[in-house]
Amino acid sequence: MKQTLPRNWGGLNSEKKDHKFFLDQAFVMGGLAVLIFSYIIFRFIFPLLEKGVLW
């Protein structure tokens, strides 16, 4: 019996090909970390620098 490969490759990675902008978990967690760090810097550290406490 001859072994052949299936010709229909559409089912392997069809999810990633259909979505042009795909948000995965690492992208969301990285964005959340950037937002948290920027909030900490502008809420707590920047006022201390502005008053001259940390300079």
PDB file of N, CA and C in Angstrom:
ATOM      1  N   MET A   1       0.842  -1.177   0.000  1.00  0.00           N
ATOM      2  CA  MET A   1       0.000   0.000   0.000  1.00  0.00           C
ATOM      3  C   MET A   1       0.892   1.246   0.000  1.00  0.00           C
ATOM      4  N   LYS A   2       0.525   2.200  -0.816  1.00  0.00           N
ATOM      5  CA  LYS A   2       1.316   3.414  -0.968  1.00  0.00           C
ATOM      6  C   LYS A   2       0.958   4.425   0.132  1.00  0.00           C
ATOM      7  N   GLN A   3       1.975   4.988   0.800  1.00  0.00           N
ATOM      8  CA  GLN A   3       1.727   5.979   1.840  1.00  0.00           C
ATOM      9  C   GLN A   3       1.804   7.375   1.229  1.00  0.00           C
ATOM     10  N   THR A   4       0.757   8.130   1.397  1.00  0.00           N
ATOM     11  CA  THR A   4       0.703   9.492   0.853  1.00  0.00           C
ATOM     12  C   THR A   4       0.341  10.470   1.962  1.00  0.00           C
ATOM     13  N   LEU A   5       0.745  11.687   1.775  1.00  0.00           N
ATOM     14  CA  LEU A   5       0.401  12.748   2.723  1.00  0.00           C
ATOM     15  C   LEU A   5      -0.929  13.365   2.335  1.00  0.00           C
ATOM     16  N   PRO A   6      -1.694  13.788   3.307  1.00  0.00           N
ATOM     17  CA  PRO A   6      -2.957  14.453   2.959  1.00  0.00           C
ATOM     18  C   PRO A   6      -2.693  15.797   2.286  1.00  0.00           C
ATOM     19  N   ARG A   7      -3.527  16.108   1.311  1.00  0.00           N
ATOM     20  CA  ARG A   7      -3.336  17.342   0.551  1.00  0.00           C
ATOM     21  C   ARG A   7      -4.008  18.549   1.200  1.00  0.00           C
ATOM     22  N   ASN A   8      -4.877  18.324   2.127  1.00  0.00           N
ATOM     23  CA  ASN A   8      -5.580  19.437   2.768  1.00  0.00           C
ATOM     24  C   ASN A   8      -4.807  19.865   4.014  1.00  0.00           C
ATOM     25  N   TRP A   9      -4.085  20.977   3.929  1.00  0.00           N
ATOM     26  CA  TRP A   9      -3.301  21.491   5.053  1.00  0.00           C
ATOM     27  C   TRP A   9      -4.013  22.644   5.757  1.00  0.00           C
ATOM     28  N   GLY A  10      -5.237  22.917   5.417  1.00  0.00           N
ATOM     29  CA  GLY A  10      -5.950  24.062   5.974  1.00  0.00           C
ATOM     30  C   GLY A  10      -6.263  23.939   7.457  1.00  0.00           C
ATOM     31  N   GLY A  11      -6.353  22.739   7.997  1.00  0.00           N
ATOM     32  CA  GLY A  11      -6.754  22.566   9.380  1.00  0.00           C
ATOM     33  C   GLY A  11      -5.632  22.670  10.384  1.00  0.00           C
ATOM     34  N   LEU A  12      -4.385  22.756   9.937  1.00  0.00           N
ATOM     35  CA  LEU A  12      -3.269  22.742  10.885  1.00  0.00           C
ATOM     36  C   LEU A  12      -3.126  24.065  11.627  1.00  0.00           C
ATOM     37  N   ASN A  13      -3.005  25.154  10.920  1.00  0.00           N
ATOM     38  CA  ASN A  13      -2.819  26.474  11.542  1.00  0.00           C
ATOM     39  C   ASN A  13      -3.873  27.452  11.050  1.00  0.00           C
ATOM     40  N   SER A  14      -5.087  27.007  10.920  1.00  0.00           N
ATOM     41  CA  SER A  14      -6.120  27.872  10.355  1.00  0.00           C
ATOM     42  C   SER A  14      -6.494  29.015  11.292  1.00  0.00           C
ATOM     43  N   GLU A  15      -6.340  28.824  12.616  1.00  0.00           N
ATOM     44  CA  GLU A  15      -6.704  29.897  13.552  1.00  0.00           C
ATOM     45  C   GLU A  15      -5.784  31.092  13.402  1.00  0.00           C
ATOM     46  N   LYS A  16      -4.488  30.868  13.315  1.00  0.00           N
ATOM     47  CA  LYS A  16      -3.536  31.968  13.244  1.00  0.00           C
ATOM     48  C   LYS A  16      -3.559  32.660  11.892  1.00  0.00           C
ATOM     49  N   LYS A  17      -3.896  31.946  10.842  1.00  0.00           N
ATOM     50  CA  LYS A  17      -3.935  32.556   9.517  1.00  0.00           C
ATOM     51  C   LYS A  17      -5.184  33.417   9.336  1.00  0.00           C
ATOM     52  N   ASP A  18      -6.260  33.064  10.000  1.00  0.00           N
ATOM     53  CA  ASP A  18      -7.502  33.817   9.838  1.00  0.00           C
ATOM     54  C   ASP A  18      -7.460  35.159  10.555  1.00  0.00           C
ATOM     55  N   HIS A  19      -6.784  35.236  11.683  1.00  0.00           N
ATOM     56  CA  HIS A  19      -6.744  36.466  12.468  1.00  0.00           C
ATOM     57  C   HIS A  19      -5.519  37.282  12.077  1.00  0.00           C
ATOM     58  N   LYS A  20      -5.760  38.522  11.668  1.00  0.00           N
ATOM     59  CA  LYS A  20      -4.626  39.381  11.327  1.00  0.00           C
ATOM     60  C   LYS A  20      -3.964  39.932  12.590  1.00  0.00           C
ATOM     61  N   PHE A  21      -4.751  40.252  13.602  1.00  0.00           N
ATOM     62  CA  PHE A  21      -4.227  40.791  14.856  1.00  0.00           C
ATOM     63  C   PHE A  21      -4.634  39.843  15.969  1.00  0.00           C
ATOM     64  N   PHE A  22      -3.696  39.021  16.399  1.00  0.00           N
ATOM     65  CA  PHE A  22      -3.989  37.957  17.354  1.00  0.00           C
ATOM     66  C   PHE A  22      -3.362  38.296  18.692  1.00  0.00           C
ATOM     67  N   LEU A  23      -4.176  38.460  19.741  1.00  0.00           N
ATOM     68  CA  LEU A  23      -3.688  38.756  21.082  1.00  0.00           C
ATOM     69  C   LEU A  23      -3.482  37.449  21.839  1.00  0.00           C
ATOM     70  N   ASP A  24      -2.248  37.168  22.189  1.00  0.00           N
ATOM     71  CA  ASP A  24      -2.007  35.993  22.999  1.00  0.00           C
ATOM     72  C   ASP A  24      -1.780  36.411  24.448  1.00  0.00           C
ATOM     73  N   GLN A  25      -1.617  35.439  25.308  1.00  0.00           N
ATOM     74  CA  GLN A  25      -1.529  35.708  26.739  1.00  0.00           C
ATOM     75  C   GLN A  25      -0.263  36.467  27.098  1.00  0.00           C
ATOM     76  N   ALA A  26       0.849  36.188  26.424  1.00  0.00           N
ATOM     77  CA  ALA A  26       2.102  36.874  26.733  1.00  0.00           C
ATOM     78  C   ALA A  26       2.010  38.349  26.373  1.00  0.00           C
ATOM     79  N   PHE A  27       1.351  38.676  25.285  1.00  0.00           N
ATOM     80  CA  PHE A  27       1.189  40.079  24.880  1.00  0.00           C
ATOM     81  C   PHE A  27       0.338  40.841  25.887  1.00  0.00           C
ATOM     82  N   VAL A  28      -0.732  40.220  26.349  1.00  0.00           N
ATOM     83  CA  VAL A  28      -1.615  40.872  27.326  1.00  0.00           C
ATOM     84  C   VAL A  28      -0.908  41.062  28.661  1.00  0.00           C
ATOM     85  N   MET A  29      -0.194  40.049  29.123  1.00  0.00           N
ATOM     86  CA  MET A  29       0.514  40.157  30.400  1.00  0.00           C
ATOM     87  C   MET A  29       1.659  41.160  30.329  1.00  0.00           C
ATOM     88  N   GLY A  30       2.342  41.231  29.196  1.00  0.00           N
ATOM     89  CA  GLY A  30       3.399  42.224  29.030  1.00  0.00           C
ATOM     90  C   GLY A  30       2.849  43.636  29.028  1.00  0.00           C
ATOM     91  N   GLY A  31       1.736  43.840  28.358  1.00  0.00           N
ATOM     92  CA  GLY A  31       1.098  45.159  28.358  1.00  0.00           C
ATOM     93  C   GLY A  31       0.610  45.556  29.737  1.00  0.00           C
ATOM     94  N   LEU A  32       0.091  44.605  30.466  1.00  0.00           N
ATOM     95  CA  LEU A  32      -0.366  44.888  31.828  1.00  0.00           C
ATOM     96  C   LEU A  32       0.803  45.247  32.735  1.00  0.00           C
ATOM     97  N   ALA A  33       1.929  44.570  32.572  1.00  0.00           N
ATOM     98  CA  ALA A  33       3.112  44.881  33.375  1.00  0.00           C
ATOM     99  C   ALA A  33       3.628  46.282  33.062  1.00  0.00           C
ATOM    100  N   VAL A  34       3.625  46.663  31.792  1.00  0.00           N
ATOM    101  CA  VAL A  34       4.063  48.014  31.414  1.00  0.00           C
ATOM    102  C   VAL A  34       3.136  49.057  32.009  1.00  0.00           C
ATOM    103  N   LEU A  35       1.839  48.815  31.980  1.00  0.00           N
ATOM    104  CA  LEU A  35       0.883  49.761  32.565  1.00  0.00           C
ATOM    105  C   LEU A  35       1.064  49.897  34.073  1.00  0.00           C
ATOM    106  N   ILE A  36       1.312  48.790  34.760  1.00  0.00           N
ATOM    107  CA  ILE A  36       1.496  48.840  36.210  1.00  0.00           C
ATOM    108  C   ILE A  36       2.769  49.592  36.567  1.00  0.00           C
ATOM    109  N   PHE A  37       3.879  49.315  35.846  1.00  0.00           N
ATOM    110  CA  PHE A  37       5.128  50.019  36.127  1.00  0.00           C
ATOM    111  C   PHE A  37       5.018  51.511  35.830  1.00  0.00           C
ATOM    112  N   SER A  38       4.337  51.867  34.748  1.00  0.00           N
ATOM    113  CA  SER A  38       4.191  53.291  34.448  1.00  0.00           C
ATOM    114  C   SER A  38       3.307  53.978  35.482  1.00  0.00           C
ATOM    115  N   TYR A  39       2.294  53.292  35.993  1.00  0.00           N
ATOM    116  CA  TYR A  39       1.464  53.870  37.046  1.00  0.00           C
ATOM    117  C   TYR A  39       2.280  54.101  38.314  1.00  0.00           C
ATOM    118  N   ILE A  40       3.102  53.137  38.689  1.00  0.00           N
ATOM    119  CA  ILE A  40       3.929  53.283  39.887  1.00  0.00           C
ATOM    120  C   ILE A  40       4.903  54.445  39.727  1.00  0.00           C
ATOM    121  N   ILE A  41       5.512  54.561  38.568  1.00  0.00           N
ATOM    122  CA  ILE A  41       6.488  55.634  38.352  1.00  0.00           C
ATOM    123  C   ILE A  41       5.819  56.997  38.403  1.00  0.00           C
ATOM    124  N   PHE A  42       4.711  57.174  37.698  1.00  0.00           N
ATOM    125  CA  PHE A  42       4.087  58.495  37.640  1.00  0.00           C
ATOM    126  C   PHE A  42       3.270  58.837  38.869  1.00  0.00           C
ATOM    127  N   ARG A  43       2.842  57.851  39.618  1.00  0.00           N
ATOM    128  CA  ARG A  43       2.036  58.124  40.806  1.00  0.00           C
ATOM    129  C   ARG A  43       2.887  58.326  42.057  1.00  0.00           C
ATOM    130  N   PHE A  44       4.001  57.595  42.190  1.00  0.00           N
ATOM    131  CA  PHE A  44       4.771  57.631  43.427  1.00  0.00           C
ATOM    132  C   PHE A  44       6.176  58.209  43.249  1.00  0.00           C
ATOM    133  N   ILE A  45       6.890  57.783  42.227  1.00  0.00           N
ATOM    134  CA  ILE A  45       8.288  58.192  42.095  1.00  0.00           C
ATOM    135  C   ILE A  45       8.419  59.582  41.477  1.00  0.00           C
ATOM    136  N   PHE A  46       7.632  59.903  40.461  1.00  0.00           N
ATOM    137  CA  PHE A  46       7.738  61.216  39.820  1.00  0.00           C
ATOM    138  C   PHE A  46       7.438  62.378  40.770  1.00  0.00           C
ATOM    139  N   PRO A  47       6.408  62.315  41.630  1.00  0.00           N
ATOM    140  CA  PRO A  47       6.210  63.417  42.583  1.00  0.00           C
ATOM    141  C   PRO A  47       7.374  63.587  43.567  1.00  0.00           C
ATOM    142  N   LEU A  48       8.007  62.476  43.955  1.00  0.00           N
ATOM    143  CA  LEU A  48       9.160  62.592  44.837  1.00  0.00           C
ATOM    144  C   LEU A  48      10.330  63.265  44.120  1.00  0.00           C
ATOM    145  N   LEU A  49      10.512  62.960  42.856  1.00  0.00           N
ATOM    146  CA  LEU A  49      11.561  63.629  42.080  1.00  0.00           C
ATOM    147  C   LEU A  49      11.238  65.103  41.882  1.00  0.00           C
ATOM    148  N   GLU A  50       9.973  65.399  41.689  1.00  0.00           N
ATOM    149  CA  GLU A  50       9.552  66.787  41.467  1.00  0.00           C
ATOM    150  C   GLU A  50       9.759  67.632  42.722  1.00  0.00           C
ATOM    151  N   LYS A  51       9.544  67.062  43.893  1.00  0.00           N
ATOM    152  CA  LYS A  51       9.751  67.795  45.145  1.00  0.00           C
ATOM    153  C   LYS A  51      11.201  67.842  45.569  1.00  0.00           C
ATOM    154  N   GLY A  52      12.030  67.013  44.976  1.00  0.00           N
ATOM    155  CA  GLY A  52      13.444  67.025  45.311  1.00  0.00           C
ATOM    156  C   GLY A  52      13.822  66.061  46.400  1.00  0.00           C
ATOM    157  N   VAL A  53      12.936  65.139  46.749  1.00  0.00           N
ATOM    158  CA  VAL A  53      13.223  64.197  47.814  1.00  0.00           C
ATOM    159  C   VAL A  53      14.247  63.150  47.363  1.00  0.00           C
ATOM    160  N   LEU A  54      14.115  62.663  46.136  1.00  0.00           N
ATOM    161  CA  LEU A  54      15.001  61.624  45.647  1.00  0.00           C
ATOM    162  C   LEU A  54      16.164  62.161  44.828  1.00  0.00           C
ATOM    163  N   TRP A  55      16.292  63.449  44.657  1.00  0.00           N
ATOM    164  CA  TRP A  55      17.356  64.016  43.818  1.00  0.00           C
ATOM    165  C   TRP A  55      18.531  64.478  44.609  1.00  0.00           C
TER     166      TRP A  55
END
